[in-house]
N, C-alpha and C. Protein backbone atom coordinates (compact mmCIF):
# COMPACT_ATOMS: atom_id res chain seq x y z
N MET A 1 75.08 -105.61 -131.80
CA MET A 1 74.01 -106.14 -132.46
C MET A 1 74.53 -107.25 -133.30
N LEU A 2 73.68 -108.45 -133.17
CA LEU A 2 74.03 -109.70 -133.81
C LEU A 2 73.52 -109.46 -135.41
N SER A 3 74.33 -110.20 -136.17
CA SER A 3 74.09 -110.14 -137.80
C SER A 3 72.86 -111.19 -137.91
N LYS A 4 72.32 -110.92 -139.03
CA LYS A 4 71.13 -111.78 -139.44
C LYS A 4 71.59 -113.14 -139.35
N ARG A 5 72.75 -113.52 -139.90
CA ARG A 5 73.25 -114.88 -139.97
C ARG A 5 73.40 -115.45 -138.59
N VAL A 6 73.86 -114.71 -137.74
CA VAL A 6 74.08 -115.29 -136.32
C VAL A 6 72.79 -115.56 -135.61
N TRP A 7 71.77 -114.53 -135.77
CA TRP A 7 70.45 -114.71 -135.26
C TRP A 7 69.78 -115.92 -135.83
N LYS A 8 69.83 -116.16 -137.16
CA LYS A 8 69.17 -117.31 -137.65
C LYS A 8 69.79 -118.59 -137.16
N SER A 9 71.13 -118.57 -137.14
CA SER A 9 71.84 -119.99 -136.55
C SER A 9 71.42 -120.07 -135.09
N LEU A 10 71.38 -119.14 -134.30
CA LEU A 10 70.95 -119.30 -133.03
C LEU A 10 69.60 -119.73 -132.92
N SER A 11 68.77 -119.24 -133.63
CA SER A 11 67.39 -119.52 -133.72
C SER A 11 67.12 -120.98 -134.14
N GLU A 12 67.78 -121.30 -135.18
CA GLU A 12 67.71 -122.78 -135.66
C GLU A 12 68.13 -123.77 -134.66
N LYS A 13 69.14 -123.37 -133.93
CA LYS A 13 69.64 -124.38 -132.80
C LYS A 13 68.87 -124.45 -131.60
N GLY A 14 67.78 -123.50 -131.54
CA GLY A 14 66.84 -123.51 -130.42
C GLY A 14 67.42 -122.68 -129.29
N TYR A 15 68.46 -121.84 -129.47
CA TYR A 15 68.91 -120.91 -128.33
C TYR A 15 68.06 -119.67 -128.18
N ILE A 16 67.49 -119.28 -129.25
CA ILE A 16 66.38 -118.16 -129.21
C ILE A 16 65.16 -118.77 -129.53
N MET A 17 64.19 -118.85 -128.49
CA MET A 17 63.00 -119.48 -128.69
C MET A 17 61.89 -118.66 -128.04
N GLY A 18 60.70 -118.96 -128.45
CA GLY A 18 59.45 -118.16 -127.90
C GLY A 18 59.10 -117.05 -128.75
N GLN A 19 57.90 -116.68 -128.58
CA GLN A 19 57.37 -115.52 -129.19
C GLN A 19 58.08 -114.08 -128.68
N THR A 20 58.16 -113.26 -129.69
CA THR A 20 58.73 -112.10 -129.23
C THR A 20 57.90 -110.95 -129.77
N HIS A 21 57.51 -109.90 -128.86
CA HIS A 21 56.76 -108.83 -129.16
C HIS A 21 57.51 -107.56 -129.49
N ILE A 22 56.84 -106.75 -130.18
CA ILE A 22 57.31 -105.46 -130.48
C ILE A 22 56.38 -104.46 -129.78
N ILE A 23 57.02 -103.81 -128.72
CA ILE A 23 56.31 -102.86 -127.96
C ILE A 23 56.73 -101.44 -128.11
N GLU A 24 55.84 -100.61 -127.64
CA GLU A 24 56.10 -99.05 -127.72
C GLU A 24 56.23 -98.43 -126.33
N CYS A 25 57.29 -97.68 -126.28
CA CYS A 25 57.38 -96.90 -124.91
C CYS A 25 56.27 -95.94 -124.87
N SER A 26 55.64 -95.91 -123.67
CA SER A 26 54.47 -94.87 -123.48
C SER A 26 55.01 -93.46 -123.31
N ARG A 27 56.37 -93.43 -122.84
CA ARG A 27 56.91 -91.98 -122.55
C ARG A 27 57.27 -91.39 -123.97
N CYS A 28 58.22 -92.06 -124.72
CA CYS A 28 58.73 -91.42 -125.88
C CYS A 28 58.32 -91.97 -127.16
N GLY A 29 57.72 -93.02 -127.25
CA GLY A 29 57.07 -93.70 -128.48
C GLY A 29 58.14 -94.55 -129.14
N GLY A 30 59.36 -94.84 -128.53
CA GLY A 30 60.34 -95.65 -129.03
C GLY A 30 59.85 -97.08 -129.21
N LEU A 31 60.38 -97.89 -130.03
CA LEU A 31 59.97 -99.19 -130.36
C LEU A 31 61.07 -100.18 -129.86
N LEU A 32 60.73 -101.32 -129.19
CA LEU A 32 61.68 -102.29 -128.70
C LEU A 32 61.07 -103.59 -128.60
N LEU A 33 62.03 -104.60 -128.56
CA LEU A 33 61.50 -105.94 -128.44
C LEU A 33 61.38 -106.44 -127.03
N ALA A 34 60.35 -107.23 -126.84
CA ALA A 34 60.19 -107.94 -125.56
C ALA A 34 59.84 -109.33 -125.68
N ALA A 35 60.63 -110.26 -125.03
CA ALA A 35 60.33 -111.69 -125.10
C ALA A 35 59.18 -111.97 -124.40
N GLU A 36 58.41 -113.09 -124.87
CA GLU A 36 57.30 -113.61 -124.13
C GLU A 36 57.70 -113.97 -122.69
N GLY A 37 56.77 -113.57 -121.72
CA GLY A 37 57.09 -113.82 -120.34
C GLY A 37 58.00 -112.69 -119.63
N LYS A 38 58.42 -111.83 -120.42
CA LYS A 38 59.30 -110.79 -119.73
C LYS A 38 58.45 -109.80 -119.03
N LYS A 39 58.81 -109.42 -117.81
CA LYS A 39 57.77 -108.57 -116.99
C LYS A 39 58.20 -107.10 -117.37
N SER A 40 59.20 -106.65 -117.60
CA SER A 40 59.47 -105.27 -117.88
C SER A 40 60.73 -105.09 -118.78
N ARG A 41 60.83 -103.96 -119.42
CA ARG A 41 62.00 -103.57 -120.15
C ARG A 41 62.43 -102.05 -119.88
N THR A 42 63.47 -101.73 -120.11
CA THR A 42 63.96 -100.36 -120.03
C THR A 42 64.03 -99.84 -121.49
N CYS A 43 63.36 -98.62 -121.66
CA CYS A 43 63.54 -98.05 -123.01
C CYS A 43 64.86 -97.60 -123.32
N PRO A 44 65.55 -98.05 -124.39
CA PRO A 44 66.98 -97.66 -124.87
C PRO A 44 67.01 -96.08 -125.26
N TYR A 45 65.86 -95.53 -125.43
CA TYR A 45 65.84 -94.08 -125.97
C TYR A 45 65.77 -93.16 -124.81
N CYS A 46 64.81 -93.44 -123.93
CA CYS A 46 64.60 -92.48 -122.81
C CYS A 46 64.86 -93.07 -121.47
N GLY A 47 65.13 -94.28 -121.21
CA GLY A 47 65.41 -94.82 -120.00
C GLY A 47 64.14 -95.18 -119.17
N ALA A 48 62.98 -94.93 -119.72
CA ALA A 48 61.80 -95.27 -118.94
C ALA A 48 61.59 -96.80 -118.68
N ARG A 49 61.01 -97.28 -117.56
CA ARG A 49 60.70 -98.47 -117.22
C ARG A 49 59.36 -98.77 -117.89
N ILE A 50 59.31 -100.07 -118.71
CA ILE A 50 58.08 -100.23 -119.38
C ILE A 50 57.62 -101.59 -118.86
N ASP A 51 56.27 -101.61 -118.48
CA ASP A 51 55.63 -102.90 -118.05
C ASP A 51 55.30 -103.66 -119.39
N ALA A 52 56.13 -104.77 -119.69
CA ALA A 52 55.89 -105.38 -120.97
C ALA A 52 54.55 -106.02 -121.08
N LYS A 53 53.86 -106.31 -120.04
CA LYS A 53 52.61 -107.00 -120.05
C LYS A 53 51.58 -106.01 -120.57
N THR A 54 51.60 -104.72 -120.02
CA THR A 54 50.54 -103.77 -120.31
C THR A 54 50.93 -102.82 -121.42
N ALA A 55 52.10 -102.83 -121.97
CA ALA A 55 52.61 -101.93 -123.01
C ALA A 55 51.82 -102.22 -124.24
N ARG A 56 51.78 -101.08 -125.11
CA ARG A 56 51.10 -101.27 -126.45
C ARG A 56 51.96 -102.17 -127.32
N LYS A 57 51.36 -103.38 -127.71
CA LYS A 57 52.06 -104.34 -128.61
C LYS A 57 51.73 -103.95 -130.13
N LEU A 58 52.67 -103.72 -130.97
CA LEU A 58 52.51 -103.56 -132.28
C LEU A 58 52.56 -104.53 -133.21
N ALA A 59 53.28 -105.56 -132.69
CA ALA A 59 53.29 -106.80 -133.55
C ALA A 59 54.03 -107.89 -132.69
N SER A 60 53.83 -109.16 -133.22
CA SER A 60 54.46 -110.33 -132.44
C SER A 60 55.19 -111.18 -133.62
N ALA A 61 55.96 -111.85 -133.22
CA ALA A 61 56.81 -112.86 -134.10
C ALA A 61 57.08 -114.09 -133.41
N GLU A 62 57.26 -115.36 -134.14
CA GLU A 62 57.39 -116.56 -133.58
C GLU A 62 58.95 -116.66 -132.97
N ASP A 63 59.79 -115.79 -133.39
CA ASP A 63 61.13 -115.82 -132.98
C ASP A 63 61.83 -114.28 -132.96
N ALA A 64 62.82 -114.28 -132.26
CA ALA A 64 63.59 -112.96 -132.12
C ALA A 64 64.10 -112.43 -133.49
N PHE A 65 64.54 -113.32 -134.27
CA PHE A 65 65.09 -113.04 -135.65
C PHE A 65 63.98 -112.41 -136.53
N THR A 66 62.92 -112.95 -136.55
CA THR A 66 61.88 -112.32 -137.38
C THR A 66 61.27 -111.13 -136.71
N ALA A 67 61.19 -111.00 -135.43
CA ALA A 67 60.78 -109.79 -134.67
C ALA A 67 61.70 -108.58 -135.08
N SER A 68 63.00 -108.97 -135.12
CA SER A 68 63.90 -107.86 -135.30
C SER A 68 63.83 -107.32 -136.63
N GLU A 69 63.45 -108.16 -137.70
CA GLU A 69 63.21 -107.70 -139.06
C GLU A 69 61.96 -106.78 -139.13
N VAL A 70 60.97 -107.33 -138.38
CA VAL A 70 59.70 -106.53 -138.34
C VAL A 70 59.92 -105.15 -137.65
N LEU A 71 60.65 -105.15 -136.51
CA LEU A 71 61.10 -103.95 -135.75
C LEU A 71 61.73 -102.97 -136.70
N ARG A 72 62.68 -103.46 -137.42
CA ARG A 72 63.45 -102.66 -138.49
C ARG A 72 62.48 -101.94 -139.42
N GLU A 73 61.63 -102.69 -139.95
CA GLU A 73 60.55 -102.16 -140.88
C GLU A 73 59.64 -101.13 -140.20
N LEU A 74 59.27 -101.34 -138.97
CA LEU A 74 58.39 -100.43 -138.17
C LEU A 74 59.16 -99.19 -137.93
N LYS A 75 60.46 -99.22 -137.60
CA LYS A 75 61.25 -98.13 -137.33
C LYS A 75 61.43 -97.29 -138.62
N LYS A 76 61.58 -97.89 -139.67
CA LYS A 76 61.65 -97.11 -141.08
C LYS A 76 60.37 -96.26 -141.22
N GLN A 77 59.14 -96.90 -140.98
CA GLN A 77 57.86 -96.29 -141.11
C GLN A 77 57.74 -95.17 -140.24
N LYS A 78 58.31 -95.27 -139.09
CA LYS A 78 58.13 -94.19 -138.00
C LYS A 78 59.29 -93.13 -138.14
N GLY A 79 60.30 -93.43 -138.96
CA GLY A 79 61.34 -92.53 -139.26
C GLY A 79 62.57 -92.61 -138.20
N PHE A 80 62.55 -93.71 -137.53
CA PHE A 80 63.47 -94.05 -136.60
C PHE A 80 64.82 -94.74 -137.19
N SER A 81 64.81 -95.06 -138.51
CA SER A 81 65.95 -95.88 -139.02
C SER A 81 67.23 -95.01 -139.22
N ARG A 82 68.36 -95.75 -139.17
CA ARG A 82 69.60 -95.20 -139.37
C ARG A 82 69.93 -95.32 -140.82
N PRO A 83 70.63 -94.38 -141.44
CA PRO A 83 71.08 -94.50 -142.89
C PRO A 83 71.98 -95.77 -143.03
N GLN A 84 71.76 -96.48 -144.11
CA GLN A 84 72.71 -97.54 -144.31
C GLN A 84 74.00 -97.02 -144.85
N PRO A 85 75.20 -97.58 -144.43
CA PRO A 85 76.53 -97.24 -144.83
C PRO A 85 76.79 -97.50 -146.29
């Protein structure tokens, strides 16, 4: 996983572009990121193939960095967060 500093740097340089959605796996309820235009994703929790276009979208952000921060907060609310070291 990339650090916040690296994400921000890549985003500012234009390497990470476009809207990013936070979607929910219909099988296990896991939350994951999907870039705009992405057709499908594989759930990292249960391995299900998710159609990104029809999946339940919980939020969207202008860039992947912001989306990852929102995702982290949503995971905390759902009880999926890892304890901080």
